[in-house]
Amino acid sequence: AQAVIARRAGLAASVTAAMSALAAREAVIELARNEDAEILPSA
């Protein structure tokens, strides 16, 4: 389910920050592939 969220279009920085800190490996990989997500340097 985390991986599904990671594929959402236009993910906000607060969501990507939470994912980078808490999500499982599979979800983080999906997040890294999501070019539309707002990922801050800290994430």
Full PDB file with SEQRES, HELIX, SHEET, SSBOND, CRYST1, ORIGX, SCALE, CONECT and MASTER records, all heavy atoms in Angstrom:
SEQRES   1 A   43  ALA GLN ALA VAL ILE ALA ARG ARG ALA GLY LEU ALA ALA          
SEQRES   2 A   43  SER VAL THR ALA ALA MET SER ALA LEU ALA ALA ARG GLU          
SEQRES   3 A   43  ALA VAL ILE GLU LEU ALA ARG ASN GLU ASP ALA GLU ILE          
SEQRES   4 A   43  LEU PRO SER ALA                                              
HELIX    1 AA1 GLN A    2  ALA A    6  1                                   5    
HELIX    2 AA2 ALA A   13  LEU A   22  1                                  10    
HELIX    3 AA3 ARG A   25  ARG A   33  1                                   9    
CRYST1    1.000    1.000    1.000  90.00  90.00  90.00 P 1           1          
ORIGX1      1.000000  0.000000  0.000000        0.00000                         
ORIGX2      0.000000  1.000000  0.000000        0.00000                         
ORIGX3      0.000000  0.000000  1.000000        0.00000                         
SCALE1      1.000000  0.000000  0.000000        0.00000                         
SCALE2      0.000000  1.000000  0.000000        0.00000                         
SCALE3      0.000000  0.000000  1.000000        0.00000                         
ATOM      1  N   ALA A   1       0.832  -1.203   0.000  1.00  0.00           N  
ATOM      2  CA  ALA A   1       0.000   0.000   0.000  1.00  0.00           C  
ATOM      3  C   ALA A   1       0.870   1.259   0.000  1.00  0.00           C  
ATOM      4  O   ALA A   1       0.541   2.249  -0.654  1.00  0.00           O  
ATOM      5  CB  ALA A   1      -0.936  -0.009   1.202  1.00  0.00           C  
ATOM      6  N   GLN A   2       1.984   1.227   0.723  1.00  0.00           N  
ATOM      7  CA  GLN A   2       2.917   2.356   0.708  1.00  0.00           C  
ATOM      8  C   GLN A   2       3.436   2.603  -0.709  1.00  0.00           C  
ATOM      9  O   GLN A   2       3.561   3.747  -1.139  1.00  0.00           O  
ATOM     10  CB  GLN A   2       4.103   2.093   1.629  1.00  0.00           C  
ATOM     11  CG  GLN A   2       3.787   2.119   3.092  1.00  0.00           C  
ATOM     12  CD  GLN A   2       4.978   1.697   3.939  1.00  0.00           C  
ATOM     13  OE1 GLN A   2       5.943   1.096   3.461  1.00  0.00           O  
ATOM     14  NE2 GLN A   2       4.914   2.013   5.223  1.00  0.00           N  
ATOM     15  N   ALA A   3       3.709   1.531  -1.440  1.00  0.00           N  
ATOM     16  CA  ALA A   3       4.202   1.661  -2.814  1.00  0.00           C  
ATOM     17  C   ALA A   3       3.153   2.293  -3.717  1.00  0.00           C  
ATOM     18  O   ALA A   3       3.493   3.072  -4.618  1.00  0.00           O  
ATOM     19  CB  ALA A   3       4.636   0.300  -3.354  1.00  0.00           C  
ATOM     20  N   VAL A   4       1.898   1.989  -3.485  1.00  0.00           N  
ATOM     21  CA  VAL A   4       0.823   2.619  -4.260  1.00  0.00           C  
ATOM     22  C   VAL A   4       0.800   4.118  -3.989  1.00  0.00           C  
ATOM     23  O   VAL A   4       0.716   4.928  -4.915  1.00  0.00           O  
ATOM     24  CB  VAL A   4      -0.541   1.969  -3.953  1.00  0.00           C  
ATOM     25  CG1 VAL A   4      -1.675   2.752  -4.596  1.00  0.00           C  
ATOM     26  CG2 VAL A   4      -0.563   0.523  -4.403  1.00  0.00           C  
ATOM     27  N   ILE A   5       0.900   4.500  -2.738  1.00  0.00           N  
ATOM     28  CA  ILE A   5       0.939   5.922  -2.390  1.00  0.00           C  
ATOM     29  C   ILE A   5       2.141   6.595  -3.047  1.00  0.00           C  
ATOM     30  O   ILE A   5       2.043   7.707  -3.552  1.00  0.00           O  
ATOM     31  CB  ILE A   5       0.969   6.111  -0.855  1.00  0.00           C  
ATOM     32  CG1 ILE A   5      -0.355   5.670  -0.245  1.00  0.00           C  
ATOM     33  CG2 ILE A   5       1.271   7.568  -0.497  1.00  0.00           C  
ATOM     34  CD1 ILE A   5      -0.362   5.619   1.265  1.00  0.00           C  
ATOM     35  N   ALA A   6       3.268   5.924  -3.067  1.00  0.00           N  
ATOM     36  CA  ALA A   6       4.496   6.496  -3.644  1.00  0.00           C  
ATOM     37  C   ALA A   6       4.350   6.801  -5.127  1.00  0.00           C  
ATOM     38  O   ALA A   6       5.066   7.648  -5.656  1.00  0.00           O  
ATOM     39  CB  ALA A   6       5.666   5.543  -3.419  1.00  0.00           C  
ATOM     40  N   ARG A   7       3.420   6.143  -5.806  1.00  0.00           N  
ATOM     41  CA  ARG A   7       3.206   6.383  -7.237  1.00  0.00           C  
ATOM     42  C   ARG A   7       2.230   7.518  -7.517  1.00  0.00           C  
ATOM     43  O   ARG A   7       2.013   7.871  -8.670  1.00  0.00           O  
ATOM     44  CB  ARG A   7       2.714   5.094  -7.906  1.00  0.00           C  
ATOM     45  CG  ARG A   7       3.784   4.029  -7.997  1.00  0.00           C  
ATOM     46  CD  ARG A   7       3.369   2.872  -8.888  1.00  0.00           C  
ATOM     47  NE  ARG A   7       2.237   2.113  -8.375  1.00  0.00           N  
ATOM     48  CZ  ARG A   7       2.337   1.024  -7.610  1.00  0.00           C  
ATOM     49  NH1 ARG A   7       3.515   0.561  -7.270  1.00  0.00           N  
ATOM     50  NH2 ARG A   7       1.256   0.393  -7.194  1.00  0.00           N  
ATOM     51  N   ARG A   8       1.633   8.093  -6.483  1.00  0.00           N  
ATOM     52  CA  ARG A   8       0.662   9.176  -6.684  1.00  0.00           C  
ATOM     53  C   ARG A   8       1.310  10.361  -7.398  1.00  0.00           C  
ATOM     54  O   ARG A   8       2.451  10.716  -7.119  1.00  0.00           O  
ATOM     55  CB  ARG A   8       0.107   9.673  -5.355  1.00  0.00           C  
ATOM     56  CG  ARG A   8      -0.940   8.786  -4.744  1.00  0.00           C  
ATOM     57  CD  ARG A   8      -1.426   9.368  -3.440  1.00  0.00           C  
ATOM     58  NE  ARG A   8      -2.184  10.590  -3.614  1.00  0.00           N  
ATOM     59  CZ  ARG A   8      -3.508  10.681  -3.536  1.00  0.00           C  
ATOM     60  NH1 ARG A   8      -4.225   9.616  -3.279  1.00  0.00           N  
ATOM     61  NH2 ARG A   8      -4.106  11.835  -3.693  1.00  0.00           N  
ATOM     62  N   ALA A   9       0.550  10.997  -8.252  1.00  0.00           N  
ATOM     63  CA  ALA A   9       1.010  12.215  -8.919  1.00  0.00           C  
ATOM     64  C   ALA A   9       0.983  13.373  -7.927  1.00  0.00           C  
ATOM     65  O   ALA A   9       0.081  13.466  -7.093  1.00  0.00           O  
ATOM     66  CB  ALA A   9       0.117  12.526 -10.109  1.00  0.00           C  
ATOM     67  N   GLY A  10       1.988  14.216  -8.001  1.00  0.00           N  
ATOM     68  CA  GLY A  10       2.016  15.437  -7.203  1.00  0.00           C  
ATOM     69  C   GLY A  10       2.134  15.238  -5.709  1.00  0.00           C  
ATOM     70  O   GLY A  10       1.575  16.028  -4.943  1.00  0.00           O  
ATOM     71  N   LEU A  11       2.863  14.226  -5.274  1.00  0.00           N  
ATOM     72  CA  LEU A  11       3.034  14.015  -3.830  1.00  0.00           C  
ATOM     73  C   LEU A  11       3.687  15.223  -3.189  1.00  0.00           C  
ATOM     74  O   LEU A  11       4.704  15.727  -3.669  1.00  0.00           O  
ATOM     75  CB  LEU A  11       3.895  12.780  -3.567  1.00  0.00           C  
ATOM     76  CG  LEU A  11       3.210  11.435  -3.540  1.00  0.00           C  
ATOM     77  CD1 LEU A  11       4.230  10.332  -3.287  1.00  0.00           C  
ATOM     78  CD2 LEU A  11       2.124  11.388  -2.495  1.00  0.00           C  
ATOM     79  N   ALA A  12       3.125  15.665  -2.090  1.00  0.00           N  
ATOM     80  CA  ALA A  12       3.654  16.819  -1.354  1.00  0.00           C  
ATOM     81  C   ALA A  12       4.928  16.454  -0.608  1.00  0.00           C  
ATOM     82  O   ALA A  12       5.174  15.279  -0.286  1.00  0.00           O  
ATOM     83  CB  ALA A  12       2.605  17.324  -0.369  1.00  0.00           C  
ATOM     84  N   ALA A  13       5.723  17.457  -0.309  1.00  0.00           N  
ATOM     85  CA  ALA A  13       6.997  17.254   0.393  1.00  0.00           C  
ATOM     86  C   ALA A  13       6.800  16.576   1.749  1.00  0.00           C  
ATOM     87  O   ALA A  13       7.632  15.772   2.165  1.00  0.00           O  
ATOM     88  CB  ALA A  13       7.727  18.577   0.555  1.00  0.00           C  
ATOM     89  N   SER A  14       5.716  16.881   2.438  1.00  0.00           N  
ATOM     90  CA  SER A  14       5.483  16.249   3.749  1.00  0.00           C  
ATOM     91  C   SER A  14       5.290  14.744   3.613  1.00  0.00           C  
ATOM     92  O   SER A  14       5.757  13.968   4.453  1.00  0.00           O  
ATOM     93  CB  SER A  14       4.269  16.878   4.434  1.00  0.00           C  
ATOM     94  OG  SER A  14       3.106  16.714   3.647  1.00  0.00           O  
ATOM     95  N   VAL A  15       4.642  14.325   2.543  1.00  0.00           N  
ATOM     96  CA  VAL A  15       4.409  12.896   2.318  1.00  0.00           C  
ATOM     97  C   VAL A  15       5.717  12.213   1.921  1.00  0.00           C  
ATOM     98  O   VAL A  15       6.047  11.144   2.427  1.00  0.00           O  
ATOM     99  CB  VAL A  15       3.327  12.663   1.240  1.00  0.00           C  
ATOM    100  CG1 VAL A  15       3.090  11.180   1.017  1.00  0.00           C  
ATOM    101  CG2 VAL A  15       2.035  13.369   1.614  1.00  0.00           C  
ATOM    102  N   THR A  16       6.486  12.843   1.039  1.00  0.00           N  
ATOM    103  CA  THR A  16       7.743  12.223   0.614  1.00  0.00           C  
ATOM    104  C   THR A  16       8.743  12.169   1.764  1.00  0.00           C  
ATOM    105  O   THR A  16       9.519  11.224   1.848  1.00  0.00           O  
ATOM    106  CB  THR A  16       8.349  12.940  -0.611  1.00  0.00           C  
ATOM    107  OG1 THR A  16       8.669  14.286  -0.272  1.00  0.00           O  
ATOM    108  CG2 THR A  16       7.401  12.900  -1.795  1.00  0.00           C  
ATOM    109  N   ALA A  17       8.690  13.153   2.648  1.00  0.00           N  
ATOM    110  CA  ALA A  17       9.567  13.125   3.828  1.00  0.00           C  
ATOM    111  C   ALA A  17       9.205  11.943   4.727  1.00  0.00           C  
ATOM    112  O   ALA A  17      10.086  11.222   5.214  1.00  0.00           O  
ATOM    113  CB  ALA A  17       9.473  14.437   4.590  1.00  0.00           C  
ATOM    114  N   ALA A  18       7.914  11.746   4.943  1.00  0.00           N  
ATOM    115  CA  ALA A  18       7.471  10.615   5.767  1.00  0.00           C  
ATOM    116  C   ALA A  18       7.850   9.296   5.112  1.00  0.00           C  
ATOM    117  O   ALA A  18       8.313   8.366   5.787  1.00  0.00           O  
ATOM    118  CB  ALA A  18       5.961  10.689   5.987  1.00  0.00           C  
ATOM    119  N   MET A  19       7.674   9.222   3.808  1.00  0.00           N  
ATOM    120  CA  MET A  19       8.014   7.982   3.110  1.00  0.00           C  
ATOM    121  C   MET A  19       9.509   7.703   3.180  1.00  0.00           C  
ATOM    122  O   MET A  19       9.919   6.571   3.396  1.00  0.00           O  
ATOM    123  CB  MET A  19       7.565   8.054   1.655  1.00  0.00           C  
ATOM    124  CG  MET A  19       6.077   8.119   1.514  1.00  0.00           C  
ATOM    125  SD  MET A  19       5.530   7.679  -0.110  1.00  0.00           S  
ATOM    126  CE  MET A  19       5.480   5.918   0.083  1.00  0.00           C  
ATOM    127  N   SER A  20      10.320   8.719   3.003  1.00  0.00           N  
ATOM    128  CA  SER A  20      11.768   8.496   3.029  1.00  0.00           C  
ATOM    129  C   SER A  20      12.233   8.020   4.397  1.00  0.00           C  
ATOM    130  O   SER A  20      13.211   7.298   4.499  1.00  0.00           O  
ATOM    131  CB  SER A  20      12.513   9.767   2.616  1.00  0.00           C  
ATOM    132  OG  SER A  20      12.356  10.783   3.581  1.00  0.00           O  
ATOM    133  N   ALA A  21      11.510   8.402   5.442  1.00  0.00           N  
ATOM    134  CA  ALA A  21      11.894   8.019   6.798  1.00  0.00           C  
ATOM    135  C   ALA A  21      11.261   6.711   7.267  1.00  0.00           C  
ATOM    136  O   ALA A  21      11.871   5.990   8.057  1.00  0.00           O  
ATOM    137  CB  ALA A  21      11.520   9.133   7.772  1.00  0.00           C  
ATOM    138  N   LEU A  22      10.056   6.395   6.775  1.00  0.00           N  
ATOM    139  CA  LEU A  22       9.303   5.286   7.355  1.00  0.00           C  
ATOM    140  C   LEU A  22       8.978   4.146   6.406  1.00  0.00           C  
ATOM    141  O   LEU A  22       8.770   3.017   6.855  1.00  0.00           O  
ATOM    142  CB  LEU A  22       7.970   5.813   7.911  1.00  0.00           C  
ATOM    143  CG  LEU A  22       8.032   6.900   8.965  1.00  0.00           C  
ATOM    144  CD1 LEU A  22       6.644   7.446   9.238  1.00  0.00           C  
ATOM    145  CD2 LEU A  22       8.660   6.361  10.233  1.00  0.00           C  
ATOM    146  N   ALA A  23       8.891   4.416   5.133  1.00  0.00           N  
ATOM    147  CA  ALA A  23       8.358   3.428   4.193  1.00  0.00           C  
ATOM    148  C   ALA A  23       9.331   2.284   3.954  1.00  0.00           C  
ATOM    149  O   ALA A  23      10.549   2.414   4.121  1.00  0.00           O  
ATOM    150  CB  ALA A  23       8.003   4.098   2.871  1.00  0.00           C  
ATOM    151  N   ALA A  24       8.765   1.182   3.530  1.00  0.00           N  
ATOM    152  CA  ALA A  24       9.551   0.000   3.185  1.00  0.00           C  
ATOM    153  C   ALA A  24      10.342   0.243   1.899  1.00  0.00           C  
ATOM    154  O   ALA A  24      10.053   1.170   1.136  1.00  0.00           O  
ATOM    155  CB  ALA A  24       8.614  -1.193   2.998  1.00  0.00           C  
ATOM    156  N   ARG A  25      11.320  -0.601   1.676  1.00  0.00           N  
ATOM    157  CA  ARG A  25      12.215  -0.491   0.520  1.00  0.00           C  
ATOM    158  C   ARG A  25      11.444  -0.365  -0.790  1.00  0.00           C  
ATOM    159  O   ARG A  25      11.746   0.487  -1.619  1.00  0.00           O  
ATOM    160  CB  ARG A  25      13.138  -1.710   0.475  1.00  0.00           C  
ATOM    161  CG  ARG A  25      13.996  -1.785  -0.762  1.00  0.00           C  
ATOM    162  CD  ARG A  25      14.672  -3.165  -0.879  1.00  0.00           C  
ATOM    163  NE  ARG A  25      15.389  -3.273  -2.117  1.00  0.00           N  
ATOM    164  CZ  ARG A  25      14.838  -3.712  -3.262  1.00  0.00           C  
ATOM    165  NH1 ARG A  25      13.571  -4.053  -3.307  1.00  0.00           N  
ATOM    166  NH2 ARG A  25      15.565  -3.782  -4.355  1.00  0.00           N  
ATOM    167  N   GLU A  26      10.446  -1.211  -0.994  1.00  0.00           N  
ATOM    168  CA  GLU A  26       9.680  -1.206  -2.239  1.00  0.00           C  
ATOM    169  C   GLU A  26       9.010   0.142  -2.473  1.00  0.00           C  
ATOM    170  O   GLU A  26       8.976   0.645  -3.596  1.00  0.00           O  
ATOM    171  CB  GLU A  26       8.610  -2.307  -2.221  1.00  0.00           C  
ATOM    172  CG  GLU A  26       9.157  -3.709  -2.099  1.00  0.00           C  
ATOM    173  CD  GLU A  26       9.484  -4.108  -0.658  1.00  0.00           C  
ATOM    174  OE1 GLU A  26       9.111  -3.387   0.300  1.00  0.00           O  
ATOM    175  OE2 GLU A  26      10.137  -5.141  -0.481  1.00  0.00           O  
ATOM    176  N   ALA A  27       8.476   0.722  -1.414  1.00  0.00           N  
ATOM    177  CA  ALA A  27       7.811   2.017  -1.524  1.00  0.00           C  
ATOM    178  C   ALA A  27       8.811   3.133  -1.800  1.00  0.00           C  
ATOM    179  O   ALA A  27       8.535   4.042  -2.584  1.00  0.00           O  
ATOM    180  CB  ALA A  27       7.026   2.315  -0.249  1.00  0.00           C  
ATOM    181  N   VAL A  28       9.975   3.060  -1.193  1.00  0.00           N  
ATOM    182  CA  VAL A  28      10.998   4.079  -1.427  1.00  0.00           C  
ATOM    183  C   VAL A  28      11.499   3.995  -2.868  1.00  0.00           C  
ATOM    184  O   VAL A  28      11.751   5.033  -3.503  1.00  0.00           O  
ATOM    185  CB  VAL A  28      12.149   3.955  -0.404  1.00  0.00           C  
ATOM    186  CG1 VAL A  28      13.296   4.895  -0.737  1.00  0.00           C  
ATOM    187  CG2 VAL A  28      11.627   4.243   1.000  1.00  0.00           C  
ATOM    188  N   ILE A  29      11.610   2.810  -3.403  1.00  0.00           N  
ATOM    189  CA  ILE A  29      11.999   2.662  -4.813  1.00  0.00           C  
ATOM    190  C   ILE A  29      10.943   3.302  -5.715  1.00  0.00           C  
ATOM    191  O   ILE A  29      11.273   4.029  -6.654  1.00  0.00           O  
ATOM    192  CB  ILE A  29      12.240   1.183  -5.159  1.00  0.00           C  
ATOM    193  CG1 ILE A  29      13.563   0.741  -4.548  1.00  0.00           C  
ATOM    194  CG2 ILE A  29      12.238   0.962  -6.672  1.00  0.00           C  
ATOM    195  CD1 ILE A  29      13.873  -0.728  -4.714  1.00  0.00           C  
ATOM    196  N   GLU A  30       9.677   3.055  -5.432  1.00  0.00           N  
ATOM    197  CA  GLU A  30       8.606   3.674  -6.224  1.00  0.00           C  
ATOM    198  C   GLU A  30       8.638   5.194  -6.089  1.00  0.00           C  
ATOM    199  O   GLU A  30       8.432   5.916  -7.063  1.00  0.00           O  
ATOM    200  CB  GLU A  30       7.237   3.139  -5.818  1.00  0.00           C  
ATOM    201  CG  GLU A  30       6.996   1.709  -6.204  1.00  0.00           C  
ATOM    202  CD  GLU A  30       7.052   1.480  -7.705  1.00  0.00           C  
ATOM    203  OE1 GLU A  30       6.665   2.370  -8.483  1.00  0.00           O  
ATOM    204  OE2 GLU A  30       7.491   0.383  -8.102  1.00  0.00           O  
ATOM    205  N   LEU A  31       8.900   5.678  -4.895  1.00  0.00           N  
ATOM    206  CA  LEU A  31       9.011   7.121  -4.685  1.00  0.00           C  
ATOM    207  C   LEU A  31      10.156   7.701  -5.501  1.00  0.00           C  
ATOM    208  O   LEU A  31      10.015   8.743  -6.142  1.00  0.00           O  
ATOM    209  CB  LEU A  31       9.206   7.421  -3.198  1.00  0.00           C  
ATOM    210  CG  LEU A  31       9.403   8.890  -2.829  1.00  0.00           C  
ATOM    211  CD1 LEU A  31       8.187   9.716  -3.225  1.00  0.00           C  
ATOM    212  CD2 LEU A  31       9.688   9.011  -1.337  1.00  0.00           C  
ATOM    213  N   ALA A  32      11.292   7.034  -5.502  1.00  0.00           N  
ATOM    214  CA  ALA A  32      12.448   7.514  -6.263  1.00  0.00           C  
ATOM    215  C   ALA A  32      12.153   7.538  -7.762  1.00  0.00           C  
ATOM    216  O   ALA A  32      12.689   8.381  -8.489  1.00  0.00           O  
ATOM    217  CB  ALA A  32      13.665   6.639  -5.977  1.00  0.00           C  
ATOM    218  N   ARG A  33      11.296   6.661  -8.233  1.00  0.00           N  
ATOM    219  CA  ARG A  33      10.907   6.630  -9.653  1.00  0.00           C  
ATOM    220  C   ARG A  33       9.881   7.704 -10.003  1.00  0.00           C  
ATOM    221  O   ARG A  33       9.699   8.024 -11.167  1.00  0.00           O  
ATOM    222  CB  ARG A  33      10.320   5.269  -9.999  1.00  0.00           C  
ATOM    223  CG  ARG A  33      11.320   4.175 -10.082  1.00  0.00           C  
ATOM    224  CD  ARG A  33      10.647   2.883 -10.484  1.00  0.00           C  
ATOM    225  NE  ARG A  33      11.640   1.833 -10.621  1.00  0.00           N  
ATOM    226  CZ  ARG A  33      11.456   0.581 -10.262  1.00  0.00           C  
ATOM    227  NH1 ARG A  33      10.291   0.194  -9.774  1.00  0.00           N  
ATOM    228  NH2 ARG A  33      12.414  -0.308 -10.418  1.00  0.00           N  
ATOM    229  N   ASN A  34       9.189   8.229  -9.012  1.00  0.00           N  
ATOM    230  CA  ASN A  34       8.105   9.186  -9.232  1.00  0.00           C  
ATOM    231  C   ASN A  34       8.670  10.574  -9.515  1.00  0.00           C  
ATOM    232  O   ASN A  34       9.036  11.315  -8.608  1.00  0.00           O  
ATOM    233  CB  ASN A  34       7.179   9.215  -8.020  1.00  0.00           C  
ATOM    234  CG  ASN A  34       5.956  10.078  -8.231  1.00  0.00           C  
ATOM    235  OD1 ASN A  34       5.886  10.876  -9.163  1.00  0.00           O  
ATOM    236  ND2 ASN A  34       4.992   9.931  -7.347  1.00  0.00           N  
ATOM    237  N   GLU A  35       8.743  10.925 -10.773  1.00  0.00           N  
ATOM    238  CA  GLU A  35       9.296  12.219 -11.195  1.00  0.00           C  
ATOM    239  C   GLU A  35       8.395  13.386 -10.815  1.00  0.00           C  
ATOM    240  O   GLU A  35       8.827  14.533 -10.828  1.00  0.00           O  
ATOM    241  CB  GLU A  35       9.535  12.224 -12.710  1.00  0.00           C  
ATOM    242  CG  GLU A  35      10.571  11.222 -13.181  1.00  0.00           C  
ATOM    243  CD  GLU A  35      11.986  11.592 -12.779  1.00  0.00           C  
ATOM    244  OE1 GLU A  35      12.254  12.802 -12.614  1.00  0.00           O  
ATOM    245  OE2 GLU A  35      12.804  10.687 -12.613  1.00  0.00           O  
ATOM    246  N   ASP A  36       7.144  13.109 -10.482  1.00  0.00           N  
ATOM    247  CA  ASP A  36       6.184  14.165 -10.162  1.00  0.00           C  
ATOM    248  C   ASP A  36       6.113  14.466  -8.665  1.00  0.00           C  
ATOM    249  O   ASP A  36       5.421  15.378  -8.252  1.00  0.00           O  
ATOM    250  CB  ASP A  36       4.804  13.751 -10.695  1.00  0.00           C  
ATOM    251  CG  ASP A  36       3.834  14.907 -10.752  1.00  0.00           C  
ATOM    252  OD1 ASP A  36       4.237  16.012 -11.164  1.00  0.00           O  
ATOM    253  OD2 ASP A  36       2.663  14.699 -10.374  1.00  0.00           O  
ATOM    254  N   ALA A  37       6.826  13.703  -7.865  1.00  0.00           N  
ATOM    255  CA  ALA A  37       6.806  13.902  -6.411  1.00  0.00           C  
ATOM    256  C   ALA A  37       7.738  15.034  -6.017  1.00  0.00           C  
ATOM    257  O   ALA A  37       8.808  15.210  -6.598  1.00  0.00           O  
ATOM    258  CB  ALA A  37       7.228  12.616  -5.706  1.00  0.00           C  
ATOM    259  N   GLU A  38       7.330  15.799  -5.024  1.00  0.00           N  
ATOM    260  CA  GLU A  38       8.165  16.883  -4.494  1.00  0.00           C  
ATOM    261  C   GLU A  38       9.077  16.299  -3.408  1.00  0.00           C  
ATOM    262  O   GLU A  38       8.654  16.091  -2.272  1.00  0.00           O  
ATOM    263  CB  GLU A  38       7.289  17.992  -3.911  1.00  0.00           C  
ATOM    264  CG  GLU A  38       8.073  19.164  -3.394  1.00  0.00           C  
ATOM    265  CD  GLU A  38       7.187  20.223  -2.755  1.00  0.00           C  
ATOM    266  OE1 GLU A  38       5.961  20.082  -2.754  1.00  0.00           O  
ATOM    267  OE2 GLU A  38       7.759  21.194  -2.225  1.00  0.00           O  
ATOM    268  N   ILE A  39      10.318  16.030  -3.784  1.00  0.00           N  
ATOM    269  CA  ILE A  39      11.265  15.426  -2.848  1.00  0.00           C  
ATOM    270  C   ILE A  39      12.327  16.458  -2.502  1.00  0.00           C  
ATOM    271  O   ILE A  39      13.084  16.896  -3.365  1.00  0.00           O  
ATOM    272  CB  ILE A  39      11.918  14.162  -3.455  1.00  0.00           C  
ATOM    273  CG1 ILE A  39      10.842  13.166  -3.900  1.00  0.00           C  
ATOM    274  CG2 ILE A  39      12.857  13.519  -2.435  1.00  0.00           C  
ATOM    275  CD1 ILE A  39      11.386  11.945  -4.609  1.00  0.00           C  
ATOM    276  N   LEU A  40      12.351  16.843  -1.247  1.00  0.00           N  
ATOM    277  CA  LEU A  40      13.331  17.826  -0.774  1.00  0.00           C  
ATOM    278  C   LEU A  40      14.689  17.162  -0.575  1.00  0.00           C  
ATOM    279  O   LEU A  40      14.772  15.939  -0.398  1.00  0.00           O  
ATOM    280  CB  LEU A  40      12.849  18.439   0.543  1.00  0.00           C  
ATOM    281  CG  LEU A  40      11.529  19.216   0.475  1.00  0.00           C  
ATOM    282  CD1 LEU A  40      11.140  19.697   1.864  1.00  0.00           C  
ATOM    283  CD2 LEU A  40      11.623  20.376  -0.495  1.00  0.00           C  
ATOM    284  N   PRO A  41      15.763  17.949  -0.568  1.00  0.00           N  
ATOM    285  CA  PRO A  41      17.093  17.371  -0.342  1.00  0.00           C  
ATOM    286  C   PRO A  41      17.184  16.533   0.932  1.00  0.00           C  
ATOM    287  O   PRO A  41      17.830  15.484   0.947  1.00  0.00           O  
ATOM    288  CB  PRO A  41      18.000  18.599  -0.279  1.00  0.00           C  
ATOM    289  CG  PRO A  41      17.318  19.612  -1.142  1.00  0.00           C  
ATOM    290  CD  PRO A  41      15.842  19.380  -0.897  1.00  0.00           C  
ATOM    291  N   SER A  42      16.511  16.956   1.990  1.00  0.00           N  
ATOM    292  CA  SER A  42      16.559  16.191   3.242  1.00  0.00           C  
ATOM    293  C   SER A  42      15.920  14.806   3.080  1.00  0.00           C  
ATOM    294  O   SER A  42      16.377  13.836   3.683  1.00  0.00           O  
ATOM    295  CB  SER A  42      15.859  16.961   4.365  1.00  0.00           C  
ATOM    296  OG  SER A  42      14.514  17.248   4.007  1.00  0.00           O  
ATOM    297  N   ALA A  43      14.885  14.700   2.255  1.00  0.00           N  
ATOM    298  CA  ALA A  43      14.249  13.403   2.013  1.00  0.00           C  
ATOM    299  C   ALA A  43      15.166  12.509   1.174  1.00  0.00           C  
ATOM    300  O   ALA A  43      15.273  11.309   1.432  1.00  0.00           O  
ATOM    301  CB  ALA A  43      12.901  13.592   1.329  1.00  0.00           C  
TER     302      ALA A  43                                                      
MASTER        0    0    0    3    0    0    0    6  301    1    0    4          
END                                                                             
